[in-house]
Protein backbone atom coordinates (compact mmCIF):
# COMPACT_ATOMS: atom_id res chain seq x y z
CA MET A 1 162.12 65.71 128.77
CA GLN A 2 163.64 63.24 131.25
CA LYS A 3 161.93 59.89 131.57
CA LYS A 4 164.11 56.91 132.47
CA ILE A 5 165.06 56.59 136.14
CA THR A 6 167.76 54.08 136.95
CA LYS A 7 167.60 54.21 140.76
CA LYS A 8 164.56 54.74 142.92
CA SER A 9 164.34 55.18 146.68
CA LEU A 10 161.65 56.31 149.11
CA GLU A 11 164.10 57.76 151.64
CA ILE A 12 165.48 61.28 151.27
CA LYS A 13 168.60 62.23 153.18
CA LYS A 14 167.61 64.71 155.89
CA ASN A 15 170.60 66.98 155.19
CA ASP A 16 170.01 67.08 151.42
CA MET A 17 169.32 70.78 150.81
CA GLU A 18 170.13 70.71 147.10
CA PHE A 19 166.62 71.30 145.74
CA TYR A 20 164.31 73.89 144.21
CA GLU A 21 160.51 74.13 144.31
CA ALA A 22 157.67 75.17 142.01
CA LYS A 23 153.88 75.01 141.79
CA LEU A 24 152.34 72.46 139.44
CA SER A 25 150.23 74.05 136.71
CA ASN A 26 149.23 70.79 135.01
CA VAL A 27 149.49 67.03 135.53
CA SER A 28 148.71 64.44 132.86
CA ASP A 29 149.38 60.79 132.08
CA TYR A 30 152.45 60.34 129.90
CA ASP A 31 151.96 56.57 129.67
CA GLN A 32 150.99 53.69 131.94
CA ASP A 33 153.89 54.21 134.33
CA TYR A 34 154.78 57.90 134.04
CA LEU A 35 153.21 61.31 134.66
CA GLU A 36 154.01 64.52 132.82
CA LEU A 37 154.43 67.42 135.25
CA THR A 38 154.17 71.03 134.07
CA CYS A 39 155.25 74.06 136.09
CA GLU A 40 156.89 77.43 135.45
CA LEU A 41 160.23 75.62 135.05
CA GLY A 42 158.95 73.52 132.13
CA CYS A 43 157.81 69.90 131.67
CA MET A 44 159.23 66.67 133.03
CA CYS A 45 158.17 63.04 133.28
CA CYS A 46 158.33 61.16 136.56
CA PRO A 47 157.23 57.71 137.79
CA LYS A 48 153.68 57.53 139.09
CA ILE A 49 153.25 57.36 142.85
CA LYS A 50 151.13 54.46 144.10
CA GLY A 51 147.98 55.65 145.85
CA PHE A 52 148.61 59.33 145.16
CA ILE A 53 147.36 61.58 142.35
CA PRO A 54 149.17 64.95 142.06
CA LEU A 55 146.99 67.97 141.29
CA PRO A 56 147.65 71.46 139.89
CA GLY A 57 148.59 73.88 142.65
CA MET A 58 150.59 71.34 144.62
CA THR A 59 154.24 72.03 145.38
CA VAL A 60 156.79 69.93 143.52
CA ARG A 61 160.33 69.75 144.84
CA PHE A 62 163.12 68.90 142.39
CA TYR A 63 166.36 67.57 143.86
CA GLY A 64 169.50 68.58 141.96
CA LYS A 65 171.81 71.51 141.26
CA GLY A 66 169.26 73.46 139.24
CA TYR A 67 168.21 74.25 135.69
CA GLY A 68 170.34 72.42 133.13
CA HIS A 69 171.48 69.73 135.56
CA THR A 70 170.20 66.22 136.22
CA VAL A 71 167.06 65.97 138.33
CA ARG A 72 167.86 63.23 140.84
CA GLY A 73 164.64 63.30 142.83
CA ILE A 74 161.03 64.52 142.81
CA ASP A 75 158.80 65.07 145.83
CA ILE A 76 155.20 66.26 145.36
CA ASP A 77 153.54 67.55 148.52
CA GLY A 78 155.54 65.10 150.62
CA HIS A 79 155.01 62.13 148.30
CA ILE A 80 158.22 60.83 146.74
CA SER A 81 158.24 59.79 143.09
CA PHE A 82 161.93 58.88 143.05
CA TYR A 83 165.14 59.97 144.74
CA ARG A 84 168.88 59.50 144.38
CA THR A 85 171.65 60.91 146.54
CA PRO A 86 174.32 63.01 144.82
CA GLU A 87 176.63 60.01 145.07
CA GLN A 88 174.07 57.68 143.48
CA ALA A 89 173.37 60.19 140.70
CA GLU A 90 177.09 60.55 140.00
CA GLU A 91 177.52 56.77 139.86
CA ASP A 92 174.54 56.45 137.50
CA HIS A 93 176.03 59.15 135.28
CA ARG A 94 179.39 57.37 135.21
CA LYS A 95 177.76 54.09 134.17
CA MET A 96 175.66 55.87 131.55
CA CYS A 97 178.81 57.44 130.07
CA GLU A 98 180.50 54.05 129.98
CA ARG A 99 177.52 52.52 128.16
CA TYR A 100 177.40 55.43 125.70
CA ASP A 101 181.12 55.15 125.04
CA LEU A 102 180.85 51.40 124.37
CA GLU A 103 177.81 51.84 122.11
CA SER A 104 179.58 54.64 120.19
CA ARG A 105 182.63 52.47 119.59
CA GLN A 106 180.47 49.59 118.39
CA ALA A 107 178.49 51.87 116.07
CA PHE A 108 181.69 53.34 114.65
CA LYS A 109 183.00 49.88 113.73
CA LYS A 110 179.89 49.36 111.62
CA GLN A 111 180.01 52.86 110.10
CA LYS A 112 183.77 53.20 109.50
CA LYS A 113 183.83 51.91 105.92
CA GLN A 114 181.01 54.26 104.89
CA LEU A 115 182.55 57.20 106.77
CA ASP A 116 185.86 56.61 104.99
CA LYS A 117 184.02 56.57 101.66
CA ASP A 118 182.12 59.75 102.57
CA TYR A 119 185.38 61.45 103.55
CA ASP A 120 186.97 60.57 100.22
CA GLY A 121 184.01 62.15 98.43
CA LEU A 122 184.27 65.51 100.23
CA PRO A 123 185.90 68.59 98.65
CA ASP A 124 189.36 69.49 99.94
CA PHE A 125 188.26 72.18 102.42
CA PHE A 126 185.77 69.79 104.04
CA GLN A 127 188.36 67.02 104.27
CA LYS A 128 190.72 69.44 106.00
CA ARG A 129 187.88 70.35 108.36
CA ILE A 130 187.44 66.69 109.34
CA ASP A 131 191.24 66.31 109.58
CA LYS A 132 191.34 69.14 112.13
CA PHE A 133 188.85 67.42 114.44
CA ARG A 134 190.61 64.07 114.11
CA ARG A 135 193.97 65.68 114.88
CA ASN A 136 192.78 67.64 117.91
CA ASN A 137 190.69 64.84 119.45
CA PRO A 138 191.89 61.22 119.05
CA ASP A 139 188.37 60.07 120.02
CA PHE A 140 186.59 62.28 117.48
CA ARG A 141 186.03 59.52 114.94
CA TYR A 142 183.97 57.20 117.11
CA LYS A 143 182.32 59.92 119.19
CA TYR A 144 181.33 62.64 116.75
CA GLU A 145 182.42 62.00 113.16
CA SER A 146 179.11 60.58 111.91
CA TYR A 147 177.31 63.73 113.14
CA GLU A 148 179.85 66.10 111.60
CA MET A 149 180.05 64.11 108.36
CA PHE A 150 176.29 64.37 107.94
CA CYS A 151 176.47 68.18 108.21
CA CYS A 152 179.39 68.39 105.79
CA LYS A 153 177.77 66.17 103.15
CA GLU A 154 174.54 68.18 103.36
CA ALA A 155 176.48 71.45 103.11
CA VAL A 156 178.22 70.28 99.93
CA LYS A 157 174.88 69.13 98.50
CA ILE A 158 173.32 72.55 99.18
CA ALA A 159 176.29 74.46 97.75
CA ASP A 160 176.64 72.28 94.65
CA THR A 161 172.93 72.61 93.88
CA LEU A 162 172.47 76.33 94.49
CA LYS A 163 175.87 77.43 93.10
CA THR A 164 175.95 81.00 94.48
CA GLN A 165 175.52 82.77 97.81
CA GLU A 166 172.78 84.94 96.37
CA VAL A 167 170.63 81.95 95.41
CA LEU A 168 171.40 80.30 98.74
CA GLU A 169 170.21 83.34 100.70
CA ARG A 170 166.90 83.39 98.81
CA TRP A 171 166.55 79.62 99.31
CA ALA A 172 167.24 79.90 103.06
CA LYS A 173 164.16 82.14 103.46
CA LEU A 174 161.80 79.58 101.92
CA ASP A 175 159.75 77.12 103.96
CA TRP A 176 160.90 73.50 104.28
CA ALA A 177 158.70 72.13 101.48
CA GLU A 178 160.00 74.72 99.01
CA GLN A 179 163.58 74.10 100.10
CA LYS A 180 163.09 70.37 99.53
CA GLN A 181 161.86 71.04 96.01
CA MET A 182 165.10 72.82 95.14
CA VAL A 183 167.60 70.73 97.12
CA ASP A 184 167.29 67.06 98.05
CA ILE A 185 167.79 67.76 101.77
CA ASP A 186 167.89 64.76 104.08
CA ASP A 187 164.75 64.35 106.22
CA GLY A 188 166.87 63.39 109.24
CA HIS A 189 167.96 66.95 110.06
CA SER A 190 167.60 68.52 113.47
CA GLY A 191 167.57 72.29 113.79
CA ASN A 192 171.23 72.16 114.77
CA THR A 193 172.46 70.00 111.87
CA PHE A 194 170.46 71.99 109.31
CA GLY A 195 171.74 75.32 110.64
CA CYS A 196 175.32 74.08 110.55
CA ALA A 197 174.97 72.65 107.03
CA VAL A 198 173.53 75.92 105.66
CA TYR A 199 176.25 77.99 107.31
CA LEU A 200 178.98 75.71 105.96
CA ALA A 201 177.45 76.01 102.50
CA ARG A 202 177.51 79.82 102.82
CA LEU A 203 181.20 79.71 103.69
CA TYR A 204 182.00 77.31 100.88
CA LEU A 205 180.34 79.60 98.32
CA SER A 206 181.95 82.73 99.77
CA GLU A 207 185.09 84.57 98.68
CA TYR A 208 187.00 82.73 101.41
CA PRO A 209 185.95 79.04 101.30
CA GLU A 210 188.92 78.13 103.52
CA ASN A 211 186.81 79.37 106.44
CA VAL A 212 185.00 76.03 106.18
CA ILE A 213 188.04 74.56 107.94
CA GLU A 214 187.97 77.07 110.81
CA LEU A 215 184.27 77.05 111.70
CA HIS A 216 183.66 75.31 115.03
CA GLY A 217 182.12 71.84 114.97
CA ALA A 218 178.44 71.09 114.61
CA MET A 219 178.13 69.67 118.12
CA ALA A 220 180.62 72.02 119.80
CA PRO A 221 177.85 74.15 121.38
CA LEU A 222 176.64 71.00 123.17
CA VAL A 223 179.91 69.33 124.23
CA GLY A 224 182.45 72.15 124.09
CA SER A 225 184.99 73.20 121.48
CA GLU A 226 187.93 71.46 123.13
CA GLU A 227 186.07 68.18 123.61
CA TYR A 228 184.83 68.19 120.01
CA GLY A 229 188.26 68.88 118.54
CA CYS A 230 187.83 72.47 117.32
CA VAL A 231 190.97 73.37 119.25
CA PRO A 232 193.79 71.19 120.63
CA LYS A 233 193.09 69.72 124.04
CA LYS A 234 195.05 71.34 126.85
CA GLN A 235 197.63 69.12 128.46
CA SER A 236 197.36 68.44 132.16
CA GLN A 237 200.22 69.61 134.38
CA ASP A 238 201.39 66.01 134.76
CA GLU A 239 201.48 65.54 130.97
CA GLU A 240 203.40 68.80 130.52
CA LYS A 241 206.05 67.62 132.96
């Protein structure tokens, strides 16, 4: 659900044809300043429009490239909630990436000592897994290592507690409360981190535990295997020369 809008305008470029439309099925207050819009495309928050109350059945126009891309403008029956040109949206994205990069570097400085300690406590195959990401992506440590380390530590905890693949498979079919009774799983898991940790534990308890090294990274489905460090980054033509 998108909420924060960094640029707002009440003028839409006349030649901006990069939009898609849907019928509102529900409108509700999200908080004092935002509405939650529901249509066949899903739900999204947008700033309230002064003097205008959207109703189900009205046409909402979303400006942007389409599903999975940033929504850079919303128009409801001719009333503009917010709007950014493609150039403004790109500039906002660039600044957001710069802020995220700075915040990640600052967080890593605080976490580095603990991450180094966690690394030293991992079994050999898991250390080699982390080594692979560090080697393939020089930025892996400050961008992604805390996320990957969490999955690895949880995988080792699961494997060390359950001991065999057979027990693990029975455990994996239990509900969360029963799983927690058997293994001291961290409450901070998302579906993605938990799934990765369980799969890594399966590999570690298998006949070929070295596959722990080869499995793609926990966040690779979100950022890409090359970006995460699962595979070496391709050199640009200029670098190859």
